[in-house]
Structure formats: C-alpha cells, structure tokens
C-alpha cells in the first residue's frame, strides 16, 4: 500500500475541519478551532500564556485550492478599545510564525476578511509582525482571498503602504481614491539605523505633512530619541527571540487637516521599557520617583515614573533621554504621549497634565510609542 504523502494528509485535515464546522453549525454551537499537534520545543520563542483565550484558527482553502491554517484577528483591531484581544492575537501569531516552518504542518495565514476596523497603532504593530514573518520564513507573503476583505480595511492598509512596505508580490489595486483626503499618511518605514539618508528622508516627510505646526523640535528631538532607544537598549537581551536584526524600528505618522494635529508612532520588538530602564542614565532618578509612588514595580508604574521624572528634569548629554525629551515637547503643545511596553500602558495628556496608567494581563511584545501635537 502506498504511503500517504503531504497532499493526502492536508486534504484529509481540511475535510475533517470542514466536517467539524458543519456539525457545530447544525448543532447551534460555535466554530471549533483547529487543534494543533504537540509543540516543538524552542525555549527562545515567546509562548502564549495558558490563561489567555486563543484566537480562532481554521483550515481553509487559499490560492490554487491549497489548504491554509488561518488565524482570525479580532474584528475591532484597536489597542485602545480592545487591547487584550489584539495583544493576545499578536502573541499567538508570533508562535504560529515559528510553526509555519515545520514541514509536517500546514502553512499559516491571517484572515484579513475578519477586520472591520483597525487603529493606526495596532496596524503598525501588525505591519512589523508581518515583516518579521517574512524575515523568518525567507520569502514574501502573498495576499489570499482579497475579494472578501472589507473595502475600508483594504483602503486603510493600502493607504498606509503596507503592501509596498512588505513588497507583496500580488499587491492589489486600490479600490477607491478620495479626492481630498482629510488625513495625510506617512507610510510605513523601518530601519536599524538612526542617522543617514534614510532617516533624513523619513524626517523630511514628517515635516512635509506637518502643515502649519512648527514641528522641528517634535521631530528631531522626540523622534530621534525614540529611535535611539530602540537601537541602543531594546535588543540587548541575548536570550530573547526577536526575529529581526538588532535595532530594528518601525514607524508611521499622519497629519489631520481638520484638527491640525500631527501624530507619529514608533514600534520596536525589543524587551520593553520596564526592563531597559535600569540600563538608562535616568535610572537613579526614576528609582527615586518609584519610591515616592510607593515602591511598586508594575510595568505601568515604571513607565509613569520615567515620564514623571522627565517632566521635572532637564536632561543634558547622555543616553536614554527619549521619554524626558518627548515630555518637554508636550509641555509647549496640546497633545498626548501614549506608551505601551511590557504589560504596562501610560498616557500623558498635556491639557490636563495627568498621566493615567493601566496594567494589562497580556504583553504587547515590544514597545509602542504614540504621540500627537496640535496647533
């Protein structure tokens, strides 16, 4: 008798998954996620926590009727309104990226048709994760089942330059083009360096979309310091699984004509601010603020302590001054600074001069810094 090959195995896996879905639908139950085989050990890979609900994963056909294991993102893809589900999706996506290289398992895919809305910050993290996926498997990701995508989501990712950034081989055509968009987008950028022609070009584009806002200090101080932190601190833990070259950062931005506000976001895949603070020159001052706050070491309080210290000190030459620099800029503008790192989140509103903190159950898997200034 002939030994079953991979095509035969995949066909039967697809047939079994479809049969389970049909039974669940006829019995009124919910869809049943695919059960994965035993894990392959990789101690450097971040594993999803066992108490976090996994996203739905289903076997479906893609191009040329080939079966894929699709990971379904939450419909509300926003770190503001739906943080835990979005962060949990990223945790499972990273683990599935590694498994995509195991020959005995089906190739992975993201069910983009599940997106109904997406915030710019969450979209930036997704772009970074897809970039890491391509780095890991050594090939470009292709678009599957594009006709099923929500047109608004399709336009959002195309406007942000996701498919140009990833060099997608089957990049789709833009379905619609507004005649006068109210929001001008700085498309995704990534690098491992902070100086040089590519960074100068990025800063130039931010200045171009800044409109009537004088953004020189905002750009050259706050942005450069955020990128320096990614390069000099975020990737210095040798036992961590990063999947990208050390120092890699990702960035996007936008200018809203109606509100005359300039917003930028920087993301890195490093170990997070709470773990890098002890290496920074501001650590002694931050530790003093932590003592005044009650000595807690929650991630959100660590971030808040660094922000509070930055509000009351003028930093001179040295490393690790990114947060104080951004806080000083906001002292002279309307806007906000939002930092998500580790399991902590801290938001500073310059109008109220208040920092609010939240400690989440799920870590984002890097550091996302968003800040906005308005005229």
Protein backbone atom coordinates (compact mmCIF):
# COMPACT_ATOMS: atom_id res chain seq x y z
CA UNK A 1 0.00 0.00 0.00
CA UNK A 2 1.32 3.44 -0.95
CA UNK A 3 2.47 5.65 1.94
CA UNK A 4 0.28 8.78 2.35
CA UNK A 5 2.05 11.94 1.11
CA UNK A 6 1.65 15.51 2.36
CA UNK A 7 -1.08 16.38 -0.17
CA UNK A 8 -3.15 13.42 1.03
CA UNK A 9 -2.65 14.41 4.69
CA UNK A 10 -3.57 18.06 4.04
CA UNK A 11 -6.69 17.08 2.10
CA UNK A 12 -7.93 14.90 4.94
CA UNK A 13 -7.10 17.60 7.52
CA UNK A 14 -9.19 20.06 5.53
CA UNK A 15 -12.03 17.56 5.16
CA UNK A 16 -12.04 16.80 8.89
CA UNK A 17 -12.02 20.51 9.80
CA UNK A 18 -14.94 21.21 7.45
CA UNK A 19 -16.87 18.30 8.94
CA UNK A 20 -16.37 19.71 12.45
CA UNK A 21 -17.61 23.12 11.32
CA UNK A 22 -20.71 21.60 9.72
CA UNK A 23 -21.53 19.67 12.88
CA UNK A 24 -21.03 22.76 15.03
CA UNK A 25 -23.28 24.82 12.75
CA UNK A 26 -26.10 22.25 12.71
CA UNK A 27 -25.98 21.84 16.50
CA UNK A 28 -26.06 25.59 17.12
CA UNK A 29 -22.56 25.59 18.63
CA UNK A 30 -19.70 27.94 17.86
CA UNK A 31 -16.89 27.26 15.44
CA UNK A 32 -14.29 24.82 16.72
CA UNK A 33 -10.67 25.98 16.50
CA UNK A 34 -8.22 23.59 14.95
CA UNK A 35 -6.27 21.55 17.50
CA UNK A 36 -2.55 21.70 16.78
CA UNK A 37 -0.21 18.72 17.24
CA UNK A 38 2.36 18.55 20.02
CA UNK A 39 4.62 21.59 20.23
CA UNK A 40 8.20 21.55 19.03
CA UNK A 41 10.49 22.83 21.77
CA UNK A 42 12.10 26.24 21.22
CA UNK A 43 12.95 27.89 24.54
CA UNK A 44 13.77 31.24 22.91
CA UNK A 45 10.32 31.59 21.38
CA UNK A 46 7.75 33.58 23.41
CA UNK A 47 4.90 31.20 24.18
CA UNK A 48 1.32 32.45 24.69
CA UNK A 49 0.14 32.29 28.29
CA UNK A 50 -2.17 29.36 29.04
CA UNK A 51 -4.82 31.58 30.64
CA UNK A 52 -5.22 33.76 27.52
CA UNK A 53 -8.04 32.85 25.13
CA UNK A 54 -6.59 31.87 21.76
CA UNK A 55 -7.95 33.37 18.52
CA UNK A 56 -9.99 31.13 16.26
CA UNK A 57 -7.82 29.12 13.86
CA UNK A 58 -9.42 27.29 10.95
CA UNK A 59 -8.26 25.29 7.95
CA UNK A 60 -9.49 26.90 4.74
CA UNK A 61 -8.53 26.85 1.10
CA UNK A 62 -6.43 29.65 -0.34
CA UNK A 63 -4.81 30.09 -3.73
CA UNK A 64 -4.98 27.10 -6.08
CA UNK A 65 -7.26 25.37 -3.57
CA UNK A 66 -4.29 24.88 -1.24
CA UNK A 67 -5.27 24.45 2.43
CA UNK A 68 -4.00 27.00 4.97
CA UNK A 69 -4.40 27.33 8.71
CA UNK A 70 -5.92 30.78 9.09
CA UNK A 71 -5.55 32.82 12.29
CA UNK A 72 -8.53 35.11 12.79
CA UNK A 73 -7.81 38.59 14.22
CA UNK A 74 -10.44 40.41 16.31
CA UNK A 75 -12.89 42.46 14.26
CA UNK A 76 -12.20 45.53 16.43
CA UNK A 77 -8.46 45.73 15.86
CA UNK A 78 -7.71 48.59 18.24
CA UNK A 79 -5.30 48.73 21.17
CA UNK A 80 -7.45 51.43 22.75
CA UNK A 81 -10.85 49.78 22.75
CA UNK A 82 -9.89 46.10 22.53
CA UNK A 83 -6.38 45.78 23.93
CA UNK A 84 -6.44 42.27 25.40
CA UNK A 85 -7.83 40.52 22.33
CA UNK A 86 -5.45 42.36 20.00
CA UNK A 87 -2.39 41.69 22.20
CA UNK A 88 -3.43 38.02 22.54
CA UNK A 89 -3.73 37.76 18.75
CA UNK A 90 -0.15 39.01 18.38
CA UNK A 91 1.11 36.53 20.99
CA UNK A 92 -0.43 33.60 19.10
CA UNK A 93 0.60 34.98 15.71
CA UNK A 94 4.26 35.01 16.77
CA UNK A 95 4.05 31.41 17.88
CA UNK A 96 2.38 30.39 14.62
CA UNK A 97 5.05 32.21 12.61
CA UNK A 98 7.60 29.81 14.05
CA UNK A 99 5.40 26.77 13.36
CA UNK A 100 4.97 27.86 9.73
CA UNK A 101 8.46 26.49 9.12
CA UNK A 102 7.64 22.96 10.35
CA UNK A 103 7.29 20.78 7.21
CA UNK A 104 4.64 18.48 8.69
CA UNK A 105 2.19 21.36 9.34
CA UNK A 106 0.00 23.46 7.10
CA UNK A 107 1.22 26.90 6.04
CA UNK A 108 -0.22 29.79 8.05
CA UNK A 109 -2.33 32.75 7.02
CA UNK A 110 -4.09 35.74 8.58
CA UNK A 111 -7.83 36.02 7.87
CA UNK A 112 -7.82 39.68 6.81
CA UNK A 113 -11.53 39.47 6.00
CA UNK A 114 -12.19 39.42 9.77
CA UNK A 115 -11.00 43.02 10.19
CA UNK A 116 -13.85 45.53 10.50
CA UNK A 117 -11.83 48.45 11.86
CA UNK A 118 -8.18 48.98 12.76
CA UNK A 119 -6.41 51.73 14.69
CA UNK A 120 -3.11 53.13 13.33
CA UNK A 121 -1.11 51.86 16.32
CA UNK A 122 -2.39 48.28 16.04
CA UNK A 123 -1.91 48.41 12.26
CA UNK A 124 1.74 49.46 12.75
CA UNK A 125 2.38 46.51 15.08
CA UNK A 126 0.73 44.19 12.53
CA UNK A 127 2.99 45.53 9.77
CA UNK A 128 6.02 44.85 11.96
CA UNK A 129 4.87 41.29 12.74
CA UNK A 130 4.27 40.54 9.06
CA UNK A 131 7.75 41.90 8.32
CA UNK A 132 9.23 39.57 10.95
CA UNK A 133 7.25 36.67 9.46
CA UNK A 134 8.85 37.27 6.06
CA UNK A 135 12.29 37.52 7.64
CA UNK A 136 11.81 34.21 9.42
CA UNK A 137 10.50 32.10 6.54
CA UNK A 138 12.75 33.74 3.95
CA UNK A 139 10.08 34.61 1.39
CA UNK A 140 7.44 37.25 0.68
CA UNK A 141 3.91 36.79 1.96
CA UNK A 142 1.13 36.75 -0.62
CA UNK A 143 -2.43 38.08 -0.36
CA UNK A 144 -5.17 35.45 -0.19
CA UNK A 145 -8.95 35.85 -0.68
CA UNK A 146 -8.68 39.58 -1.27
CA UNK A 147 -12.23 39.76 -2.64
CA UNK A 148 -13.58 39.00 0.87
CA UNK A 149 -11.85 41.95 2.57
CA UNK A 150 -13.79 44.89 3.96
CA UNK A 151 -13.19 47.72 1.41
CA UNK A 152 -12.47 50.22 4.22
CA UNK A 153 -9.80 47.93 5.68
CA UNK A 154 -8.37 47.32 2.22
CA UNK A 155 -8.05 51.06 1.62
CA UNK A 156 -6.56 51.68 5.09
CA UNK A 157 -3.70 49.21 4.64
CA UNK A 158 -3.05 50.36 1.09
CA UNK A 159 -3.02 53.99 2.19
CA UNK A 160 -0.55 53.12 4.96
CA UNK A 161 1.66 51.50 2.34
CA UNK A 162 1.56 48.01 3.89
CA UNK A 163 1.95 46.11 0.63
CA UNK A 164 4.71 48.38 -0.68
CA UNK A 165 6.49 48.05 2.67
CA UNK A 166 6.31 44.24 2.54
CA UNK A 167 6.99 44.15 -1.22
CA UNK A 168 3.92 41.95 -1.65
CA UNK A 169 4.20 40.02 -4.94
CA UNK A 170 0.46 40.16 -5.74
CA UNK A 171 -0.26 43.68 -4.48
CA UNK A 172 -3.92 44.54 -5.19
CA UNK A 173 -5.18 47.65 -6.92
CA UNK A 174 -6.62 50.43 -4.78
CA UNK A 175 -10.40 50.18 -4.89
CA UNK A 176 -11.13 53.85 -4.32
CA UNK A 177 -9.25 57.14 -4.01
CA UNK A 178 -10.73 60.08 -2.07
CA UNK A 179 -10.33 63.34 -4.00
CA UNK A 180 -9.20 65.34 -0.98
CA UNK A 181 -8.25 63.12 1.97
CA UNK A 182 -8.51 64.82 5.35
CA UNK A 183 -5.65 62.77 6.75
CA UNK A 184 -2.26 62.63 5.05
CA UNK A 185 -0.30 59.48 5.84
CA UNK A 186 3.39 58.93 6.33
CA UNK A 187 3.75 55.39 5.01
CA UNK A 188 5.50 52.64 6.93
CA UNK A 189 9.24 52.92 7.37
CA UNK A 190 11.72 50.59 9.01
CA UNK A 191 15.46 50.56 9.59
CA UNK A 192 18.14 49.57 12.07
CA UNK A 193 19.95 52.91 11.94
CA UNK A 194 19.04 56.33 13.32
CA UNK A 195 21.24 58.58 11.20
CA UNK A 196 21.87 58.67 7.48
CA UNK A 197 19.96 59.34 4.31
CA UNK A 198 17.03 57.03 5.03
CA UNK A 199 16.32 58.59 8.41
CA UNK A 200 16.74 62.11 7.00
CA UNK A 201 14.22 61.26 4.30
CA UNK A 202 11.78 59.97 6.91
CA UNK A 203 12.10 63.16 8.95
CA UNK A 204 11.67 65.25 5.83
CA UNK A 205 8.38 63.54 5.06
CA UNK A 206 7.13 64.18 8.59
CA UNK A 207 8.00 67.85 8.21
CA UNK A 208 6.17 67.99 4.89
CA UNK A 209 2.88 66.74 6.34
CA UNK A 210 3.14 68.86 9.48
CA UNK A 211 1.37 71.79 7.77
CA UNK A 212 1.12 74.92 9.95
CA UNK A 213 2.56 73.16 13.01
CA UNK A 214 6.17 74.08 13.76
CA UNK A 215 7.40 70.54 14.31
CA UNK A 216 11.19 70.85 14.20
CA UNK A 217 11.71 70.13 17.89
CA UNK A 218 9.00 67.47 17.88
CA UNK A 219 10.65 65.62 15.03
CA UNK A 220 14.35 65.98 15.65
CA UNK A 221 14.27 65.59 19.43
CA UNK A 222 11.37 63.29 20.28
CA UNK A 223 11.58 61.05 17.24
CA UNK A 224 15.35 60.65 17.19
CA UNK A 225 15.42 59.83 20.88
CA UNK A 226 12.72 57.17 20.44
CA UNK A 227 14.69 55.57 17.62
CA UNK A 228 17.92 55.74 19.62
CA UNK A 229 16.25 53.84 22.45
CA UNK A 230 15.30 51.04 20.03
CA UNK A 231 18.85 50.80 18.73
CA UNK A 232 20.79 51.13 21.99
CA UNK A 233 18.63 49.38 24.58
CA UNK A 234 15.68 47.37 23.29
CA UNK A 235 17.50 44.42 21.70
CA UNK A 236 20.33 43.81 24.15
CA UNK A 237 18.96 40.63 25.79
CA UNK A 238 20.77 37.65 24.14
CA UNK A 239 18.26 35.02 25.26
CA UNK A 240 15.25 36.76 23.70
CA UNK A 241 13.71 35.76 20.36
CA UNK A 242 13.44 38.89 18.22
CA UNK A 243 13.43 37.50 14.67
CA UNK A 244 14.72 40.81 13.23
CA UNK A 245 18.15 42.47 13.22
CA UNK A 246 19.06 44.24 16.47
CA UNK A 247 17.99 47.86 16.49
CA UNK A 248 15.07 47.43 14.09
CA UNK A 249 12.36 50.07 14.44
CA UNK A 250 9.10 50.67 12.59
CA UNK A 251 7.36 53.97 12.13
CA UNK A 252 4.30 55.65 10.67
CA UNK A 253 2.64 59.03 11.02
CA UNK A 254 -0.21 61.22 9.88
CA UNK A 255 -1.38 64.81 9.66
CA UNK A 256 -5.07 65.61 10.19
CA UNK A 257 -6.08 68.74 8.29
CA UNK A 258 -9.31 69.22 10.24
CA UNK A 259 -7.80 69.12 13.73
CA UNK A 260 -4.39 70.34 12.54
CA UNK A 261 -2.71 67.62 14.56
CA UNK A 262 0.45 65.72 13.78
CA UNK A 263 0.67 62.15 15.10
CA UNK A 264 3.58 59.72 14.94
CA UNK A 265 4.10 56.17 16.17
CA UNK A 266 7.30 54.18 16.67
CA UNK A 267 7.39 50.47 17.45
CA UNK A 268 10.24 48.12 18.29
CA UNK A 269 10.24 44.40 19.05
CA UNK A 270 12.61 44.61 21.99
CA UNK A 271 12.30 43.63 25.64
CA UNK A 272 10.37 46.75 26.70
CA UNK A 273 10.98 49.95 28.65
CA UNK A 274 10.47 48.45 32.15
CA UNK A 275 13.38 46.07 31.51
CA UNK A 276 15.62 48.63 29.79
CA UNK A 277 15.25 51.44 32.34
CA UNK A 278 17.94 50.07 34.71
CA UNK A 279 20.43 50.42 31.82
CA UNK A 280 19.48 54.06 31.14
CA UNK A 281 21.26 57.09 32.58
CA UNK A 282 18.00 58.33 34.10
CA UNK A 283 17.55 55.18 36.22
CA UNK A 284 18.66 56.69 39.53
CA UNK A 285 16.15 59.50 39.14
CA UNK A 286 13.40 57.12 38.05
CA UNK A 287 14.08 54.89 41.04
CA UNK A 288 13.59 57.90 43.30
CA UNK A 289 10.22 58.64 41.72
CA UNK A 290 9.22 54.98 42.12
CA UNK A 291 9.97 55.22 45.83
CA UNK A 292 7.73 58.28 46.08
CA UNK A 293 4.98 56.36 44.26
CA UNK A 294 5.11 53.59 46.85
CA UNK A 295 7.92 51.42 45.51
CA UNK A 296 5.74 49.40 43.12
CA UNK A 297 7.43 47.67 40.20
CA UNK A 298 4.37 47.21 37.96
CA UNK A 299 5.25 47.91 34.33
CA UNK A 300 2.80 50.81 34.05
CA UNK A 301 4.23 52.45 37.17
CA UNK A 302 7.76 52.03 35.82
CA UNK A 303 6.77 53.85 32.64
CA UNK A 304 4.93 56.54 34.62
CA UNK A 305 7.95 57.08 36.87
CA UNK A 306 10.16 57.65 33.82
CA UNK A 307 7.62 60.12 32.42
CA UNK A 308 7.24 61.94 35.76
CA UNK A 309 11.00 62.23 36.08
CA UNK A 310 11.19 63.65 32.57
CA UNK A 311 8.66 66.38 33.45
CA UNK A 312 10.77 67.71 36.33
CA UNK A 313 14.32 67.42 34.99
CA UNK A 314 16.17 68.96 32.06
CA UNK A 315 18.37 66.23 30.64
CA UNK A 316 21.77 67.08 29.18
CA UNK A 317 24.05 64.91 27.09
CA UNK A 318 23.63 61.17 27.62
CA UNK A 319 21.67 58.13 26.60
CA UNK A 320 18.15 57.09 27.48
CA UNK A 321 16.60 60.57 27.32
CA UNK A 322 13.76 59.73 24.92
CA UNK A 323 10.83 59.97 27.34
CA UNK A 324 12.01 63.18 29.04
CA UNK A 325 12.54 64.77 25.61
CA UNK A 326 9.03 63.93 24.44
CA UNK A 327 7.53 65.15 27.71
CA UNK A 328 9.29 68.50 27.41
CA UNK A 329 7.96 68.97 23.88
CA UNK A 330 4.39 68.34 25.04
CA UNK A 331 4.74 70.97 27.75
CA UNK A 332 4.53 73.55 24.94
CA UNK A 333 1.81 71.97 22.80
CA UNK A 334 -1.61 70.42 23.07
CA UNK A 335 -1.42 66.69 22.64
CA UNK A 336 -0.73 63.36 24.25
CA UNK A 337 2.01 60.79 24.71
CA UNK A 338 0.99 57.13 24.92
CA UNK A 339 3.41 54.34 25.72
CA UNK A 340 2.68 50.61 25.73
CA UNK A 341 5.56 48.42 26.86
CA UNK A 342 5.71 45.09 28.65
CA UNK A 343 2.30 44.71 30.26
CA UNK A 344 2.09 48.40 31.11
CA UNK A 345 0.43 51.39 29.47
CA UNK A 346 0.79 55.05 30.37
CA UNK A 347 -0.89 58.04 28.71
CA UNK A 348 0.03 61.68 29.34
CA UNK A 349 -2.50 64.36 28.37
CA UNK A 350 -0.77 67.73 28.12
CA UNK A 351 -4.04 69.65 28.54
CA UNK A 352 -4.79 68.14 31.96
CA UNK A 353 -1.12 67.40 32.79
CA UNK A 354 -2.23 63.97 34.06
CA UNK A 355 -0.65 60.56 33.49
CA UNK A 356 -3.08 57.63 33.56
CA UNK A 357 -1.77 54.07 33.86
CA UNK A 358 -3.09 50.60 33.09
CA UNK A 359 -1.54 47.20 33.77
CA UNK A 360 -2.69 44.58 31.27
CA UNK A 361 -2.65 40.80 31.54
CA UNK A 362 -1.02 40.38 28.12
CA UNK A 363 2.24 41.98 26.97
CA UNK A 364 2.24 43.65 23.57
CA UNK A 365 5.57 42.03 22.72
CA UNK A 366 7.60 45.22 22.24
CA UNK A 367 7.28 48.96 22.79
CA UNK A 368 4.77 51.18 21.01
CA UNK A 369 5.14 54.95 21.45
CA UNK A 370 2.43 57.20 20.02
CA UNK A 371 2.44 60.92 20.42
CA UNK A 372 0.47 63.77 18.92
CA UNK A 373 0.75 67.55 18.90
CA UNK A 374 -1.87 70.06 17.75
CA UNK A 375 -1.76 73.71 16.86
